[in-house]
Amino acid sequence: MPAPVVLRPRHHGLDHAQGRLRGLWYYTVGEILVRARTQRRRAEGAPAAPSGPFFGGADPARVPRLAAVGNRWPELAERDIYRQGLRAFVDGLLAQAGRAS
């Protein structure tokens, strides 16, 4: 497990390690909340995502990537990509640690 390298307090300082743990925690909780809410809404017979400007009416000139997602949000929110995202998160931390050495 790469945690000892990523979270090595003597190398990057405790504040730095705490920030990395917090980022990992926020990522994990965010994944859980999005999927739980999507599943709950589906079970209740409601749309998986609320309608409104955030999902369907994003201005492509201002936020092109969000506009591209648009109404595909429910489909995308149901995907289990936790491991893929976690791997990218840890790979990024390891790359940063390698540059700092």
PDB file of N, CA and C in Angstrom:
ATOM      1  N   MET A   1       0.844  -1.186   0.000  1.00  0.00           N
ATOM      2  CA  MET A   1       0.000   0.000   0.000  1.00  0.00           C
ATOM      3  C   MET A   1       0.883   1.241   0.000  1.00  0.00           C
ATOM      4  N   PRO A   2       0.615   2.224  -0.846  1.00  0.00           N
ATOM      5  CA  PRO A   2       1.477   3.396  -0.970  1.00  0.00           C
ATOM      6  C   PRO A   2       1.339   4.410   0.153  1.00  0.00           C
ATOM      7  N   ALA A   3       0.439   4.219   1.107  1.00  0.00           N
ATOM      8  CA  ALA A   3       0.203   5.220   2.142  1.00  0.00           C
ATOM      9  C   ALA A   3       1.470   5.660   2.868  1.00  0.00           C
ATOM     10  N   PRO A   4       2.388   4.762   3.257  1.00  0.00           N
ATOM     11  CA  PRO A   4       3.579   5.233   3.964  1.00  0.00           C
ATOM     12  C   PRO A   4       4.397   6.242   3.163  1.00  0.00           C
ATOM     13  N   VAL A   5       4.443   6.101   1.856  1.00  0.00           N
ATOM     14  CA  VAL A   5       5.176   7.047   1.019  1.00  0.00           C
ATOM     15  C   VAL A   5       4.398   8.347   0.913  1.00  0.00           C
ATOM     16  N   VAL A   6       3.101   8.245   0.658  1.00  0.00           N
ATOM     17  CA  VAL A   6       2.264   9.416   0.431  1.00  0.00           C
ATOM     18  C   VAL A   6       2.112  10.241   1.698  1.00  0.00           C
ATOM     19  N   LEU A   7       2.029   9.590   2.839  1.00  0.00           N
ATOM     20  CA  LEU A   7       1.704  10.286   4.075  1.00  0.00           C
ATOM     21  C   LEU A   7       2.893  10.429   5.024  1.00  0.00           C
ATOM     22  N   ARG A   8       4.069  10.261   4.537  1.00  0.00           N
ATOM     23  CA  ARG A   8       5.274  10.302   5.357  1.00  0.00           C
ATOM     24  C   ARG A   8       5.428  11.682   6.006  1.00  0.00           C
ATOM     25  N   PRO A   9       5.045  11.850   7.287  1.00  0.00           N
ATOM     26  CA  PRO A   9       5.044  13.169   7.917  1.00  0.00           C
ATOM     27  C   PRO A   9       6.407  13.842   7.967  1.00  0.00           C
ATOM     28  N   ARG A  10       7.472  13.086   8.217  1.00  0.00           N
ATOM     29  CA  ARG A  10       8.780  13.740   8.354  1.00  0.00           C
ATOM     30  C   ARG A  10       9.259  14.341   7.039  1.00  0.00           C
ATOM     31  N   HIS A  11       8.738  13.833   5.915  1.00  0.00           N
ATOM     32  CA  HIS A  11       9.182  14.318   4.611  1.00  0.00           C
ATOM     33  C   HIS A  11       8.410  15.569   4.181  1.00  0.00           C
ATOM     34  N   HIS A  12       7.115  15.556   4.329  1.00  0.00           N
ATOM     35  CA  HIS A  12       6.296  16.667   3.842  1.00  0.00           C
ATOM     36  C   HIS A  12       5.660  17.484   4.963  1.00  0.00           C
ATOM     37  N   GLY A  13       5.744  17.059   6.174  1.00  0.00           N
ATOM     38  CA  GLY A  13       5.132  17.758   7.283  1.00  0.00           C
ATOM     39  C   GLY A  13       3.735  17.234   7.561  1.00  0.00           C
ATOM     40  N   LEU A  14       3.354  17.309   8.828  1.00  0.00           N
ATOM     41  CA  LEU A  14       2.042  16.797   9.224  1.00  0.00           C
ATOM     42  C   LEU A  14       0.906  17.545   8.549  1.00  0.00           C
ATOM     43  N   ASP A  15       1.022  18.848   8.380  1.00  0.00           N
ATOM     44  CA  ASP A  15      -0.045  19.609   7.735  1.00  0.00           C
ATOM     45  C   ASP A  15      -0.270  19.133   6.310  1.00  0.00           C
ATOM     46  N   HIS A  16       0.800  18.850   5.612  1.00  0.00           N
ATOM     47  CA  HIS A  16       0.703  18.370   4.234  1.00  0.00           C
ATOM     48  C   HIS A  16       0.014  17.004   4.195  1.00  0.00           C
ATOM     49  N   ALA A  17       0.403  16.118   5.097  1.00  0.00           N
ATOM     50  CA  ALA A  17      -0.206  14.783   5.161  1.00  0.00           C
ATOM     51  C   ALA A  17      -1.683  14.891   5.514  1.00  0.00           C
ATOM     52  N   GLN A  18      -2.008  15.777   6.445  1.00  0.00           N
ATOM     53  CA  GLN A  18      -3.404  15.956   6.838  1.00  0.00           C
ATOM     54  C   GLN A  18      -4.220  16.465   5.667  1.00  0.00           C
ATOM     55  N   GLY A  19      -3.664  17.350   4.876  1.00  0.00           N
ATOM     56  CA  GLY A  19      -4.363  17.858   3.695  1.00  0.00           C
ATOM     57  C   GLY A  19      -4.627  16.761   2.679  1.00  0.00           C
ATOM     58  N   ARG A  20      -3.689  15.866   2.527  1.00  0.00           N
ATOM     59  CA  ARG A  20      -3.872  14.744   1.600  1.00  0.00           C
ATOM     60  C   ARG A  20      -4.957  13.799   2.098  1.00  0.00           C
ATOM     61  N   LEU A  21      -4.941  13.515   3.383  1.00  0.00           N
ATOM     62  CA  LEU A  21      -5.991  12.663   3.946  1.00  0.00           C
ATOM     63  C   LEU A  21      -7.362  13.312   3.802  1.00  0.00           C
ATOM     64  N   ARG A  22      -7.430  14.607   4.045  1.00  0.00           N
ATOM     65  CA  ARG A  22      -8.703  15.315   3.899  1.00  0.00           C
ATOM     66  C   ARG A  22      -9.187  15.256   2.459  1.00  0.00           C
ATOM     67  N   GLY A  23      -8.309  15.437   1.499  1.00  0.00           N
ATOM     68  CA  GLY A  23      -8.698  15.336   0.095  1.00  0.00           C
ATOM     69  C   GLY A  23      -9.229  13.961  -0.248  1.00  0.00           C
ATOM     70  N   LEU A  24      -8.563  12.938   0.266  1.00  0.00           N
ATOM     71  CA  LEU A  24      -9.021  11.565   0.042  1.00  0.00           C
ATOM     72  C   LEU A  24     -10.378  11.338   0.699  1.00  0.00           C
ATOM     73  N   TRP A  25     -10.546  11.865   1.909  1.00  0.00           N
ATOM     74  CA  TRP A  25     -11.824  11.733   2.613  1.00  0.00           C
ATOM     75  C   TRP A  25     -12.934  12.424   1.830  1.00  0.00           C
ATOM     76  N   TYR A  26     -12.713  13.637   1.356  1.00  0.00           N
ATOM     77  CA  TYR A  26     -13.738  14.356   0.590  1.00  0.00           C
ATOM     78  C   TYR A  26     -14.091  13.609  -0.690  1.00  0.00           C
ATOM     79  N   TYR A  27     -13.101  13.059  -1.357  1.00  0.00           N
ATOM     80  CA  TYR A  27     -13.367  12.285  -2.571  1.00  0.00           C
ATOM     81  C   TYR A  27     -14.250  11.082  -2.244  1.00  0.00           C
ATOM     82  N   THR A  28     -13.889  10.354  -1.193  1.00  0.00           N
ATOM     83  CA  THR A  28     -14.635   9.155  -0.808  1.00  0.00           C
ATOM     84  C   THR A  28     -16.064   9.497  -0.415  1.00  0.00           C
ATOM     85  N   VAL A  29     -16.238  10.483   0.432  1.00  0.00           N
ATOM     86  CA  VAL A  29     -17.580  10.870   0.869  1.00  0.00           C
ATOM     87  C   VAL A  29     -18.399  11.377  -0.313  1.00  0.00           C
ATOM     88  N   GLY A  30     -17.796  12.132  -1.195  1.00  0.00           N
ATOM     89  CA  GLY A  30     -18.510  12.619  -2.378  1.00  0.00           C
ATOM     90  C   GLY A  30     -19.020  11.484  -3.239  1.00  0.00           C
ATOM     91  N   GLU A  31     -18.194  10.481  -3.470  1.00  0.00           N
ATOM     92  CA  GLU A  31     -18.620   9.315  -4.255  1.00  0.00           C
ATOM     93  C   GLU A  31     -19.788   8.608  -3.580  1.00  0.00           C
ATOM     94  N   ILE A  32     -19.698   8.424  -2.275  1.00  0.00           N
ATOM     95  CA  ILE A  32     -20.769   7.745  -1.540  1.00  0.00           C
ATOM     96  C   ILE A  32     -22.063   8.543  -1.630  1.00  0.00           C
ATOM     97  N   LEU A  33     -21.996   9.837  -1.409  1.00  0.00           N
ATOM     98  CA  LEU A  33     -23.202  10.667  -1.420  1.00  0.00           C
ATOM     99  C   LEU A  33     -23.867  10.709  -2.787  1.00  0.00           C
ATOM    100  N   VAL A  34     -23.093  10.878  -3.838  1.00  0.00           N
ATOM    101  CA  VAL A  34     -23.676  10.952  -5.182  1.00  0.00           C
ATOM    102  C   VAL A  34     -24.365   9.649  -5.529  1.00  0.00           C
ATOM    103  N   ARG A  35     -23.706   8.537  -5.282  1.00  0.00           N
ATOM    104  CA  ARG A  35     -24.317   7.251  -5.647  1.00  0.00           C
ATOM    105  C   ARG A  35     -25.508   6.915  -4.763  1.00  0.00           C
ATOM    106  N   ALA A  36     -25.421   7.208  -3.471  1.00  0.00           N
ATOM    107  CA  ALA A  36     -26.549   6.922  -2.576  1.00  0.00           C
ATOM    108  C   ALA A  36     -27.764   7.755  -2.961  1.00  0.00           C
ATOM    109  N   ARG A  37     -27.547   9.021  -3.239  1.00  0.00           N
ATOM    110  CA  ARG A  37     -28.672   9.886  -3.620  1.00  0.00           C
ATOM    111  C   ARG A  37     -29.277   9.433  -4.952  1.00  0.00           C
ATOM    112  N   THR A  38     -28.439   9.079  -5.901  1.00  0.00           N
ATOM    113  CA  THR A  38     -28.930   8.622  -7.200  1.00  0.00           C
ATOM    114  C   THR A  38     -29.769   7.357  -7.036  1.00  0.00           C
ATOM    115  N   GLN A  39     -29.283   6.416  -6.241  1.00  0.00           N
ATOM    116  CA  GLN A  39     -30.020   5.170  -6.023  1.00  0.00           C
ATOM    117  C   GLN A  39     -31.328   5.413  -5.281  1.00  0.00           C
ATOM    118  N   ARG A  40     -31.308   6.307  -4.291  1.00  0.00           N
ATOM    119  CA  ARG A  40     -32.524   6.615  -3.534  1.00  0.00           C
ATOM    120  C   ARG A  40     -33.572   7.251  -4.426  1.00  0.00           C
ATOM    121  N   ARG A  41     -33.164   8.198  -5.250  1.00  0.00           N
ATOM    122  CA  ARG A  41     -34.119   8.865  -6.141  1.00  0.00           C
ATOM    123  C   ARG A  41     -34.722   7.867  -7.127  1.00  0.00           C
ATOM    124  N   ARG A  42     -33.901   6.967  -7.620  1.00  0.00           N
ATOM    125  CA  ARG A  42     -34.403   5.950  -8.549  1.00  0.00           C
ATOM    126  C   ARG A  42     -35.430   5.055  -7.842  1.00  0.00           C
ATOM    127  N   ALA A  43     -35.134   4.616  -6.610  1.00  0.00           N
ATOM    128  CA  ALA A  43     -36.042   3.753  -5.847  1.00  0.00           C
ATOM    129  C   ALA A  43     -37.371   4.451  -5.566  1.00  0.00           C
ATOM    130  N   GLU A  44     -37.328   5.764  -5.403  1.00  0.00           N
ATOM    131  CA  GLU A  44     -38.545   6.538  -5.145  1.00  0.00           C
ATOM    132  C   GLU A  44     -39.309   6.849  -6.423  1.00  0.00           C
ATOM    133  N   GLY A  45     -38.745   6.487  -7.566  1.00  0.00           N
ATOM    134  CA  GLY A  45     -39.401   6.769  -8.839  1.00  0.00           C
ATOM    135  C   GLY A  45     -39.178   8.186  -9.339  1.00  0.00           C
ATOM    136  N   ALA A  46     -38.296   8.913  -8.667  1.00  0.00           N
ATOM    137  CA  ALA A  46     -37.981  10.285  -9.078  1.00  0.00           C
ATOM    138  C   ALA A  46     -36.842  10.239 -10.090  1.00  0.00           C
ATOM    139  N   PRO A  47     -36.691  11.304 -10.874  1.00  0.00           N
ATOM    140  CA  PRO A  47     -35.525  11.350 -11.768  1.00  0.00           C
ATOM    141  C   PRO A  47     -34.245  11.253 -10.934  1.00  0.00           C
ATOM    142  N   ALA A  48     -33.229  10.651 -11.489  1.00  0.00           N
ATOM    143  CA  ALA A  48     -31.971  10.470 -10.757  1.00  0.00           C
ATOM    144  C   ALA A  48     -31.292  11.800 -10.447  1.00  0.00           C
ATOM    145  N   ALA A  49     -31.600  12.825 -11.221  1.00  0.00           N
ATOM    146  CA  ALA A  49     -31.035  14.154 -10.977  1.00  0.00           C
ATOM    147  C   ALA A  49     -32.159  15.169 -11.082  1.00  0.00           C
ATOM    148  N   PRO A  50     -32.121  16.181 -10.245  1.00  0.00           N
ATOM    149  CA  PRO A  50     -33.152  17.208 -10.338  1.00  0.00           C
ATOM    150  C   PRO A  50     -33.066  17.957 -11.662  1.00  0.00           C
ATOM    151  N   SER A  51     -34.197  18.400 -12.127  1.00  0.00           N
ATOM    152  CA  SER A  51     -34.166  19.215 -13.344  1.00  0.00           C
ATOM    153  C   SER A  51     -33.809  20.638 -12.951  1.00  0.00           C
ATOM    154  N   GLY A  52     -33.399  21.401 -13.891  1.00  0.00           N
ATOM    155  CA  GLY A  52     -33.055  22.781 -13.591  1.00  0.00           C
ATOM    156  C   GLY A  52     -31.810  23.200 -14.325  1.00  0.00           C
ATOM    157  N   PRO A  53     -31.396  24.432 -14.092  1.00  0.00           N
ATOM    158  CA  PRO A  53     -30.291  24.987 -14.857  1.00  0.00           C
ATOM    159  C   PRO A  53     -28.954  24.286 -14.631  1.00  0.00           C
ATOM    160  N   PHE A  54     -28.742  23.708 -13.469  1.00  0.00           N
ATOM    161  CA  PHE A  54     -27.443  23.078 -13.230  1.00  0.00           C
ATOM    162  C   PHE A  54     -27.200  21.914 -14.173  1.00  0.00           C
ATOM    163  N   PHE A  55     -28.213  21.080 -14.369  1.00  0.00           N
ATOM    164  CA  PHE A  55     -28.019  19.877 -15.165  1.00  0.00           C
ATOM    165  C   PHE A  55     -28.371  20.065 -16.631  1.00  0.00           C
ATOM    166  N   GLY A  56     -29.433  20.776 -16.920  1.00  0.00           N
ATOM    167  CA  GLY A  56     -29.888  20.855 -18.300  1.00  0.00           C
ATOM    168  C   GLY A  56     -29.640  22.173 -18.991  1.00  0.00           C
ATOM    169  N   GLY A  57     -29.395  23.213 -18.229  1.00  0.00           N
ATOM    170  CA  GLY A  57     -29.304  24.522 -18.841  1.00  0.00           C
ATOM    171  C   GLY A  57     -27.971  25.216 -18.676  1.00  0.00           C
ATOM    172  N   ALA A  58     -26.910  24.467 -18.506  1.00  0.00           N
ATOM    173  CA  ALA A  58     -25.590  25.082 -18.350  1.00  0.00           C
ATOM    174  C   ALA A  58     -25.190  25.772 -19.653  1.00  0.00           C
ATOM    175  N   ASP A  59     -24.660  26.965 -19.522  1.00  0.00           N
ATOM    176  CA  ASP A  59     -24.270  27.771 -20.681  1.00  0.00           C
ATOM    177  C   ASP A  59     -22.959  27.239 -21.270  1.00  0.00           C
ATOM    178  N   PRO A  60     -22.994  26.706 -22.499  1.00  0.00           N
ATOM    179  CA  PRO A  60     -21.774  26.153 -23.107  1.00  0.00           C
ATOM    180  C   PRO A  60     -20.650  27.174 -23.268  1.00  0.00           C
ATOM    181  N   ALA A  61     -20.992  28.442 -23.374  1.00  0.00           N
ATOM    182  CA  ALA A  61     -19.957  29.467 -23.519  1.00  0.00           C
ATOM    183  C   ALA A  61     -19.214  29.685 -22.198  1.00  0.00           C
ATOM    184  N   ARG A  62     -19.918  29.546 -21.092  1.00  0.00           N
ATOM    185  CA  ARG A  62     -19.311  29.785 -19.776  1.00  0.00           C
ATOM    186  C   ARG A  62     -18.708  28.528 -19.160  1.00  0.00           C
ATOM    187  N   VAL A  63     -19.421  27.416 -19.282  1.00  0.00           N
ATOM    188  CA  VAL A  63     -18.980  26.159 -18.664  1.00  0.00           C
ATOM    189  C   VAL A  63     -19.152  25.011 -19.662  1.00  0.00           C
ATOM    190  N   PRO A  64     -18.263  24.948 -20.652  1.00  0.00           N
ATOM    191  CA  PRO A  64     -18.451  23.980 -21.734  1.00  0.00           C
ATOM    192  C   PRO A  64     -18.456  22.518 -21.284  1.00  0.00           C
ATOM    193  N   ARG A  65     -17.634  22.166 -20.341  1.00  0.00           N
ATOM    194  CA  ARG A  65     -17.593  20.756 -19.915  1.00  0.00           C
ATOM    195  C   ARG A  65     -18.855  20.373 -19.139  1.00  0.00           C
ATOM    196  N   LEU A  66     -19.312  21.247 -18.279  1.00  0.00           N
ATOM    197  CA  LEU A  66     -20.554  20.981 -17.552  1.00  0.00           C
ATOM    198  C   LEU A  66     -21.728  20.912 -18.520  1.00  0.00           C
ATOM    199  N   ALA A  67     -21.765  21.797 -19.491  1.00  0.00           N
ATOM    200  CA  ALA A  67     -22.835  21.774 -20.493  1.00  0.00           C
ATOM    201  C   ALA A  67     -22.795  20.478 -21.289  1.00  0.00           C
ATOM    202  N   ALA A  68     -21.600  19.964 -21.554  1.00  0.00           N
ATOM    203  CA  ALA A  68     -21.485  18.708 -22.300  1.00  0.00           C
ATOM    204  C   ALA A  68     -22.055  17.540 -21.500  1.00  0.00           C
ATOM    205  N   VAL A  69     -21.908  17.580 -20.184  1.00  0.00           N
ATOM    206  CA  VAL A  69     -22.489  16.536 -19.333  1.00  0.00           C
ATOM    207  C   VAL A  69     -24.001  16.686 -19.317  1.00  0.00           C
ATOM    208  N   GLY A  70     -24.462  17.906 -19.059  1.00  0.00           N
ATOM    209  CA  GLY A  70     -25.883  18.228 -19.086  1.00  0.00           C
ATOM    210  C   GLY A  70     -26.790  17.156 -18.533  1.00  0.00           C
ATOM    211  N   ASN A  71     -27.686  16.683 -19.349  1.00  0.00           N
ATOM    212  CA  ASN A  71     -28.697  15.727 -18.917  1.00  0.00           C
ATOM    213  C   ASN A  71     -28.181  14.297 -18.819  1.00  0.00           C
ATOM    214  N   ARG A  72     -26.916  14.071 -19.092  1.00  0.00           N
ATOM    215  CA  ARG A  72     -26.329  12.738 -18.916  1.00  0.00           C
ATOM    216  C   ARG A  72     -25.907  12.494 -17.470  1.00  0.00           C
ATOM    217  N   TRP A  73     -26.075  13.500 -16.612  1.00  0.00           N
ATOM    218  CA  TRP A  73     -25.637  13.366 -15.229  1.00  0.00           C
ATOM    219  C   TRP A  73     -26.180  12.112 -14.541  1.00  0.00           C
ATOM    220  N   PRO A  74     -27.468  11.792 -14.615  1.00  0.00           N
ATOM    221  CA  PRO A  74     -27.957  10.587 -13.929  1.00  0.00           C
ATOM    222  C   PRO A  74     -27.211   9.320 -14.360  1.00  0.00           C
ATOM    223  N   GLU A  75     -26.989   9.171 -15.643  1.00  0.00           N
ATOM    224  CA  GLU A  75     -26.259   8.003 -16.163  1.00  0.00           C
ATOM    225  C   GLU A  75     -24.825   7.987 -15.623  1.00  0.00           C
ATOM    226  N   LEU A  76     -24.183   9.136 -15.619  1.00  0.00           N
ATOM    227  CA  LEU A  76     -22.793   9.223 -15.167  1.00  0.00           C
ATOM    228  C   LEU A  76     -22.682   9.039 -13.655  1.00  0.00           C
ATOM    229  N   ALA A  77     -23.656   9.550 -12.912  1.00  0.00           N
ATOM    230  CA  ALA A  77     -23.616   9.464 -11.449  1.00  0.00           C
ATOM    231  C   ALA A  77     -23.765   8.030 -10.955  1.00  0.00           C
ATOM    232  N   GLU A  78     -24.396   7.188 -11.734  1.00  0.00           N
ATOM    233  CA  GLU A  78     -24.597   5.797 -11.317  1.00  0.00           C
ATOM    234  C   GLU A  78     -23.362   4.927 -11.520  1.00  0.00           C
ATOM    235  N   ARG A  79     -22.420   5.377 -12.278  1.00  0.00           N
ATOM    236  CA  ARG A  79     -21.225   4.571 -12.552  1.00  0.00           C
ATOM    237  C   ARG A  79     -20.378   4.423 -11.293  1.00  0.00           C
ATOM    238  N   ASP A  80     -19.872   3.228 -11.087  1.00  0.00           N
ATOM    239  CA  ASP A  80     -18.978   2.987  -9.959  1.00  0.00           C
ATOM    240  C   ASP A  80     -17.543   3.163 -10.449  1.00  0.00           C
ATOM    241  N   ILE A  81     -17.029   4.362 -10.283  1.00  0.00           N
ATOM    242  CA  ILE A  81     -15.670   4.671 -10.744  1.00  0.00           C
ATOM    243  C   ILE A  81     -14.747   5.000  -9.567  1.00  0.00           C
ATOM    244  N   TYR A  82     -15.150   4.566  -8.373  1.00  0.00           N
ATOM    245  CA  TYR A  82     -14.366   4.899  -7.188  1.00  0.00           C
ATOM    246  C   TYR A  82     -12.914   4.427  -7.304  1.00  0.00           C
ATOM    247  N   ARG A  83     -12.720   3.164  -7.659  1.00  0.00           N
ATOM    248  CA  ARG A  83     -11.347   2.640  -7.744  1.00  0.00           C
ATOM    249  C   ARG A  83     -10.521   3.388  -8.779  1.00  0.00           C
ATOM    250  N   GLN A  84     -11.125   3.674  -9.917  1.00  0.00           N
ATOM    251  CA  GLN A  84     -10.414   4.410 -10.974  1.00  0.00           C
ATOM    252  C   GLN A  84     -10.010   5.792 -10.469  1.00  0.00           C
ATOM    253  N   GLY A  85     -10.929   6.488  -9.824  1.00  0.00           N
ATOM    254  CA  GLY A  85     -10.627   7.811  -9.291  1.00  0.00           C
ATOM    255  C   GLY A  85      -9.610   7.768  -8.165  1.00  0.00           C
ATOM    256  N   LEU A  86      -9.739   6.772  -7.296  1.00  0.00           N
ATOM    257  CA  LEU A  86      -8.793   6.625  -6.195  1.00  0.00           C
ATOM    258  C   LEU A  86      -7.387   6.362  -6.727  1.00  0.00           C
ATOM    259  N   ARG A  87      -7.303   5.525  -7.738  1.00  0.00           N
ATOM    260  CA  ARG A  87      -5.999   5.231  -8.352  1.00  0.00           C
ATOM    261  C   ARG A  87      -5.382   6.518  -8.920  1.00  0.00           C
ATOM    262  N   ALA A  88      -6.183   7.313  -9.604  1.00  0.00           N
ATOM    263  CA  ALA A  88      -5.680   8.573 -10.162  1.00  0.00           C
ATOM    264  C   ALA A  88      -5.246   9.522  -9.047  1.00  0.00           C
ATOM    265  N   PHE A  89      -6.017   9.570  -7.972  1.00  0.00           N
ATOM    266  CA  PHE A  89      -5.705  10.422  -6.829  1.00  0.00           C
ATOM    267  C   PHE A  89      -4.348  10.026  -6.232  1.00  0.00           C
ATOM    268  N   VAL A  90      -4.183   8.735  -5.948  1.00  0.00           N
ATOM    269  CA  VAL A  90      -2.937   8.249  -5.344  1.00  0.00           C
ATOM    270  C   VAL A  90      -1.763   8.404  -6.313  1.00  0.00           C
ATOM    271  N   ASP A  91      -1.981   8.115  -7.584  1.00  0.00           N
ATOM    272  CA  ASP A  91      -0.909   8.299  -8.572  1.00  0.00           C
ATOM    273  C   ASP A  91      -0.439   9.752  -8.593  1.00  0.00           C
ATOM    274  N   GLY A  92      -1.381  10.673  -8.515  1.00  0.00           N
ATOM    275  CA  GLY A  92      -1.022  12.089  -8.482  1.00  0.00           C
ATOM    276  C   GLY A  92      -0.219  12.445  -7.243  1.00  0.00           C
ATOM    277  N   LEU A  93      -0.622  11.908  -6.097  1.00  0.00           N
ATOM    278  CA  LEU A  93       0.124  12.159  -4.864  1.00  0.00           C
ATOM    279  C   LEU A  93       1.534  11.581  -4.938  1.00  0.00           C
ATOM    280  N   LEU A  94       1.642  10.388  -5.485  1.00  0.00           N
ATOM    281  CA  LEU A  94       2.968   9.775  -5.614  1.00  0.00           C
ATOM    282  C   LEU A  94       3.854  10.559  -6.577  1.00  0.00           C
ATOM    283  N   ALA A  95       3.268  11.060  -7.648  1.00  0.00           N
ATOM    284  CA  ALA A  95       4.038  11.875  -8.595  1.00  0.00           C
ATOM    285  C   ALA A  95       4.525  13.156  -7.919  1.00  0.00           C
ATOM    286  N   GLN A  96       3.670  13.780  -7.112  1.00  0.00           N
ATOM    287  CA  GLN A  96       4.080  14.982  -6.379  1.00  0.00           C
ATOM    288  C   GLN A  96       5.199  14.662  -5.399  1.00  0.00           C
ATOM    289  N   ALA A  97       5.068  13.552  -4.697  1.00  0.00           N
ATOM    290  CA  ALA A  97       6.095  13.162  -3.725  1.00  0.00           C
ATOM    291  C   ALA A  97       7.419  12.888  -4.431  1.00  0.00           C
ATOM    292  N   GLY A  98       7.363  12.297  -5.614  1.00  0.00           N
ATOM    293  CA  GLY A  98       8.576  12.022  -6.383  1.00  0.00           C
ATOM    294  C   GLY A  98       9.271  13.290  -6.833  1.00  0.00           C
ATOM    295  N   ARG A  99       8.491  14.309  -7.205  1.00  0.00           N
ATOM    296  CA  ARG A  99       9.079  15.590  -7.638  1.00  0.00           C
ATOM    297  C   ARG A  99       9.670  16.343  -6.460  1.00  0.00           C
ATOM    298  N   ALA A 100       9.090  16.155  -5.266  1.00  0.00           N
ATOM    299  CA  ALA A 100       9.559  16.881  -4.087  1.00  0.00           C
ATOM    300  C   ALA A 100      10.823  16.262  -3.497  1.00  0.00           C
ATOM    301  N   SER A 101      11.124  15.030  -3.872  1.00  0.00           N
ATOM    302  CA  SER A 101      12.303  14.339  -3.301  1.00  0.00           C
ATOM    303  C   SER A 101      13.587  14.944  -3.802  1.00  0.00           C
TER     304      SER A 101
END
